N, C-alpha and C. Protein backbone atom coordinates (compact mmCIF):
# COMPACT_ATOMS: atom_id res chain seq x y z
N MET A 1 123.97 97.33 88.93
CA MET A 1 122.78 96.94 88.21
C MET A 1 121.72 96.38 89.17
N ILE A 2 122.15 95.65 90.18
CA ILE A 2 121.20 95.09 91.14
C ILE A 2 120.56 96.19 91.97
N LEU A 3 121.32 97.27 92.23
CA LEU A 3 120.78 98.39 92.99
C LEU A 3 119.68 99.11 92.20
N LEU A 4 119.86 99.19 90.90
CA LEU A 4 118.85 99.79 90.05
C LEU A 4 117.57 98.97 90.05
N THR A 5 117.71 97.66 89.99
CA THR A 5 116.54 96.78 90.03
C THR A 5 115.81 96.88 91.36
N LEU A 6 116.56 96.90 92.45
CA LEU A 6 115.94 97.03 93.77
C LEU A 6 115.24 98.38 93.92
N SER A 7 115.85 99.42 93.36
CA SER A 7 115.24 100.74 93.41
C SER A 7 113.91 100.75 92.65
N GLN A 8 113.86 100.06 91.52
CA GLN A 8 112.61 100.01 90.75
C GLN A 8 111.54 99.20 91.48
N ILE A 9 111.94 98.13 92.14
CA ILE A 9 110.98 97.33 92.91
C ILE A 9 110.42 98.13 94.07
N VAL A 10 111.30 98.83 94.79
CA VAL A 10 110.84 99.66 95.91
C VAL A 10 109.94 100.79 95.40
N GLY A 11 110.29 101.36 94.25
CA GLY A 11 109.45 102.40 93.65
C GLY A 11 108.06 101.89 93.31
N TYR A 12 108.00 100.66 92.82
CA TYR A 12 106.71 100.05 92.50
C TYR A 12 105.89 99.84 93.78
N LEU A 13 106.52 99.37 94.84
CA LEU A 13 105.82 99.18 96.11
C LEU A 13 105.35 100.51 96.70
N ILE A 14 106.17 101.53 96.55
CA ILE A 14 105.78 102.87 97.01
C ILE A 14 104.56 103.35 96.24
N SER A 15 104.51 103.09 94.95
CA SER A 15 103.34 103.47 94.14
C SER A 15 102.08 102.77 94.62
N ILE A 16 102.19 101.51 94.98
CA ILE A 16 101.04 100.76 95.50
C ILE A 16 100.55 101.36 96.82
N ILE A 17 101.49 101.72 97.70
CA ILE A 17 101.10 102.32 98.98
C ILE A 17 100.41 103.66 98.75
N ILE A 18 100.91 104.46 97.82
CA ILE A 18 100.29 105.75 97.53
C ILE A 18 98.88 105.56 96.99
N ILE A 19 98.68 104.57 96.14
CA ILE A 19 97.34 104.27 95.63
C ILE A 19 96.42 103.86 96.77
N LEU A 20 96.93 103.07 97.72
CA LEU A 20 96.12 102.68 98.87
C LEU A 20 95.72 103.88 99.72
N VAL A 21 96.63 104.84 99.88
CA VAL A 21 96.30 106.06 100.63
C VAL A 21 95.19 106.83 99.92
N ILE A 22 95.26 106.92 98.61
CA ILE A 22 94.23 107.62 97.85
C ILE A 22 92.89 106.88 97.95
N VAL A 23 92.93 105.56 97.89
CA VAL A 23 91.70 104.76 98.03
C VAL A 23 91.09 104.97 99.42
N GLN A 24 91.94 104.99 100.45
CA GLN A 24 91.44 105.22 101.80
C GLN A 24 90.80 106.60 101.92
N PHE A 25 91.43 107.60 101.32
CA PHE A 25 90.89 108.96 101.37
C PHE A 25 89.53 109.03 100.68
N ILE A 26 89.43 108.49 99.48
CA ILE A 26 88.17 108.53 98.73
C ILE A 26 87.08 107.74 99.44
N LEU A 27 87.45 106.56 99.96
CA LEU A 27 86.47 105.75 100.66
C LEU A 27 85.99 106.43 101.94
N SER A 28 86.89 107.11 102.66
CA SER A 28 86.46 107.82 103.87
C SER A 28 85.51 108.97 103.53
N LEU A 29 85.76 109.65 102.40
CA LEU A 29 84.82 110.69 101.98
C LEU A 29 83.46 110.10 101.62
N LEU A 30 83.47 108.99 100.88
CA LEU A 30 82.20 108.36 100.49
C LEU A 30 81.43 107.87 101.71
N ILE A 31 82.15 107.37 102.70
CA ILE A 31 81.47 106.91 103.93
C ILE A 31 80.94 108.09 104.73
N SER A 32 81.73 109.16 104.85
CA SER A 32 81.30 110.29 105.66
C SER A 32 80.12 111.04 105.05
N PHE A 33 80.01 111.03 103.71
CA PHE A 33 78.87 111.69 103.06
C PHE A 33 77.73 110.72 102.76
N ASN A 34 77.78 109.53 103.34
CA ASN A 34 76.74 108.51 103.21
C ASN A 34 76.45 108.11 101.75
N VAL A 35 77.47 108.13 100.93
CA VAL A 35 77.32 107.63 99.57
C VAL A 35 77.38 106.11 99.59
N VAL A 36 78.30 105.57 100.38
CA VAL A 36 78.36 104.14 100.63
C VAL A 36 78.20 103.91 102.12
N ASN A 37 77.76 102.73 102.46
CA ASN A 37 77.44 102.43 103.85
C ASN A 37 78.34 101.31 104.35
N THR A 38 78.83 101.44 105.56
CA THR A 38 79.69 100.39 106.13
C THR A 38 78.90 99.17 106.56
N ARG A 39 77.58 99.23 106.48
CA ARG A 39 76.79 98.02 106.75
C ARG A 39 76.85 97.04 105.59
N ASN A 40 77.31 97.53 104.45
CA ASN A 40 77.55 96.66 103.30
C ASN A 40 78.83 95.87 103.57
N ASP A 41 78.77 94.56 103.49
CA ASP A 41 79.91 93.72 103.84
C ASP A 41 81.12 93.97 102.94
N PHE A 42 80.90 94.21 101.66
CA PHE A 42 82.00 94.45 100.73
C PHE A 42 82.73 95.74 101.07
N VAL A 43 81.97 96.80 101.33
CA VAL A 43 82.56 98.09 101.69
C VAL A 43 83.33 97.97 103.00
N LEU A 44 82.74 97.29 103.96
CA LEU A 44 83.39 97.12 105.25
C LEU A 44 84.68 96.31 105.12
N ALA A 45 84.68 95.29 104.27
CA ALA A 45 85.88 94.48 104.08
C ALA A 45 87.00 95.30 103.44
N ILE A 46 86.66 96.10 102.45
CA ILE A 46 87.68 96.95 101.82
C ILE A 46 88.20 97.98 102.80
N TRP A 47 87.31 98.60 103.56
CA TRP A 47 87.69 99.62 104.54
C TRP A 47 88.63 99.03 105.59
N ARG A 48 88.29 97.87 106.11
CA ARG A 48 89.15 97.24 107.12
C ARG A 48 90.50 96.81 106.54
N ALA A 49 90.50 96.30 105.32
CA ALA A 49 91.75 95.86 104.69
C ALA A 49 92.68 97.03 104.44
N VAL A 50 92.15 98.11 103.90
CA VAL A 50 92.98 99.28 103.63
C VAL A 50 93.51 99.88 104.92
N ASN A 51 92.67 99.97 105.93
CA ASN A 51 93.12 100.50 107.22
C ASN A 51 94.14 99.59 107.88
N ALA A 52 93.97 98.29 107.77
CA ALA A 52 94.93 97.36 108.36
C ALA A 52 96.29 97.47 107.68
N LEU A 53 96.31 97.75 106.38
CA LEU A 53 97.57 97.90 105.67
C LEU A 53 98.24 99.24 105.95
N LEU A 54 97.46 100.30 106.10
CA LEU A 54 98.03 101.64 106.23
C LEU A 54 98.26 102.09 107.67
N ASP A 55 97.50 101.56 108.62
CA ASP A 55 97.65 102.01 110.01
C ASP A 55 99.05 101.84 110.58
N PRO A 56 99.77 100.75 110.31
CA PRO A 56 101.14 100.68 110.85
C PRO A 56 102.07 101.76 110.31
N MET A 57 101.79 102.28 109.13
CA MET A 57 102.61 103.36 108.58
C MET A 57 102.13 104.74 109.04
N LEU A 58 100.83 104.89 109.24
CA LEU A 58 100.28 106.19 109.61
C LEU A 58 100.34 106.46 111.10
N ARG A 59 100.30 105.42 111.93
CA ARG A 59 100.27 105.61 113.38
C ARG A 59 101.49 106.38 113.90
N PRO A 60 102.73 106.06 113.50
CA PRO A 60 103.87 106.85 114.00
C PRO A 60 103.83 108.31 113.54
N ILE A 61 103.32 108.54 112.34
CA ILE A 61 103.21 109.91 111.84
C ILE A 61 102.18 110.68 112.65
N ARG A 62 101.08 110.03 113.00
CA ARG A 62 100.03 110.68 113.79
C ARG A 62 100.51 111.03 115.20
N ARG A 63 101.43 110.22 115.73
CA ARG A 63 101.98 110.51 117.06
C ARG A 63 102.83 111.77 117.03
N VAL A 64 103.53 112.01 115.92
CA VAL A 64 104.45 113.14 115.83
C VAL A 64 103.72 114.43 115.46
N LEU A 65 102.74 114.35 114.57
CA LEU A 65 102.03 115.54 114.13
C LEU A 65 101.14 116.09 115.24
N PRO A 66 101.00 117.41 115.29
CA PRO A 66 100.08 117.99 116.28
C PRO A 66 98.63 117.70 115.90
N ASP A 67 97.76 117.72 116.90
CA ASP A 67 96.34 117.45 116.66
C ASP A 67 95.73 118.65 115.95
N THR A 68 95.16 118.41 114.78
CA THR A 68 94.57 119.49 113.98
C THR A 68 93.05 119.41 113.96
N GLY A 69 92.49 118.60 114.80
CA GLY A 69 91.04 118.48 114.85
C GLY A 69 90.53 117.45 113.87
N ALA A 70 89.63 117.86 113.01
CA ALA A 70 88.98 116.91 112.10
C ALA A 70 89.83 116.56 110.89
N ILE A 71 90.86 117.36 110.60
CA ILE A 71 91.68 117.12 109.41
C ILE A 71 92.90 116.29 109.80
N ASP A 72 93.11 115.19 109.09
CA ASP A 72 94.24 114.30 109.34
C ASP A 72 95.26 114.48 108.22
N PHE A 73 96.41 115.06 108.57
CA PHE A 73 97.45 115.31 107.59
C PHE A 73 98.44 114.17 107.46
N SER A 74 98.28 113.10 108.22
CA SER A 74 99.25 112.01 108.18
C SER A 74 99.32 111.31 106.82
N PRO A 75 98.21 111.12 106.08
CA PRO A 75 98.36 110.53 104.74
C PRO A 75 99.18 111.41 103.79
N LEU A 76 99.01 112.72 103.89
CA LEU A 76 99.79 113.63 103.06
C LEU A 76 101.27 113.55 103.40
N VAL A 77 101.59 113.51 104.69
CA VAL A 77 102.98 113.39 105.12
C VAL A 77 103.56 112.06 104.66
N LEU A 78 102.77 110.99 104.71
CA LEU A 78 103.23 109.68 104.25
C LEU A 78 103.53 109.71 102.75
N ILE A 79 102.66 110.31 101.96
CA ILE A 79 102.89 110.38 100.52
C ILE A 79 104.14 111.19 100.21
N ILE A 80 104.30 112.32 100.87
CA ILE A 80 105.50 113.15 100.64
C ILE A 80 106.75 112.41 101.05
N GLY A 81 106.72 111.75 102.20
CA GLY A 81 107.87 110.99 102.67
C GLY A 81 108.24 109.84 101.74
N LEU A 82 107.23 109.14 101.24
CA LEU A 82 107.50 108.04 100.31
C LEU A 82 108.07 108.54 98.99
N ASN A 83 107.56 109.67 98.51
CA ASN A 83 108.11 110.23 97.28
C ASN A 83 109.55 110.68 97.46
N ILE A 84 109.87 111.27 98.60
CA ILE A 84 111.25 111.66 98.89
C ILE A 84 112.15 110.43 98.96
N LEU A 85 111.68 109.38 99.61
CA LEU A 85 112.45 108.14 99.68
C LEU A 85 112.68 107.55 98.29
N ASN A 86 111.66 107.60 97.45
CA ASN A 86 111.78 107.09 96.09
C ASN A 86 112.82 107.89 95.29
N ILE A 87 112.80 109.19 95.43
CA ILE A 87 113.78 110.03 94.72
C ILE A 87 115.19 109.73 95.19
N ILE A 88 115.38 109.59 96.50
CA ILE A 88 116.70 109.29 97.04
C ILE A 88 117.20 107.94 96.53
N LEU A 89 116.34 106.93 96.57
CA LEU A 89 116.75 105.61 96.11
C LEU A 89 117.08 105.59 94.61
N GLN A 90 116.29 106.30 93.82
CA GLN A 90 116.56 106.35 92.39
C GLN A 90 117.88 107.05 92.11
N ASN A 91 118.14 108.15 92.81
CA ASN A 91 119.41 108.85 92.60
C ASN A 91 120.60 108.02 93.02
N LEU A 92 120.47 107.27 94.13
CA LEU A 92 121.54 106.39 94.54
C LEU A 92 121.77 105.27 93.53
N ALA A 93 120.68 104.73 93.00
CA ALA A 93 120.80 103.63 92.04
C ALA A 93 121.43 104.11 90.73
N TYR A 94 120.96 105.25 90.23
CA TYR A 94 121.52 105.75 88.98
C TYR A 94 122.94 106.26 89.16
N GLY A 95 123.26 106.74 90.37
CA GLY A 95 124.63 107.17 90.64
C GLY A 95 125.61 106.02 90.69
N SER A 96 125.13 104.87 91.12
CA SER A 96 126.03 103.71 91.19
C SER A 96 126.26 103.08 89.82
N VAL A 97 125.34 103.30 88.87
CA VAL A 97 125.49 102.73 87.54
C VAL A 97 126.50 103.55 86.72
N ALA A 98 126.44 104.86 86.88
CA ALA A 98 127.30 105.74 86.07
C ALA A 98 128.74 105.73 86.50
């Protein structure tokens, strides 16, 4: 039962990280198309906070992936990896209950 609870907590944290990756992606698009400006203190604070949270997870993935130029596939790899981890943990938790 405790493994099931831990699996749900980890799943919740994984969901938060995935939302942060999506926020980073949308914010980078808005910044690159000059919809929002990084001279705005609020935008800059959000951008720095999201990057500070995600960079430790994305940096090792970026080292392994080949350089693709302007397209960064590391957020996609992170989302896929986190979803796979979530599936594995859920299956282990439900397997231990049955």
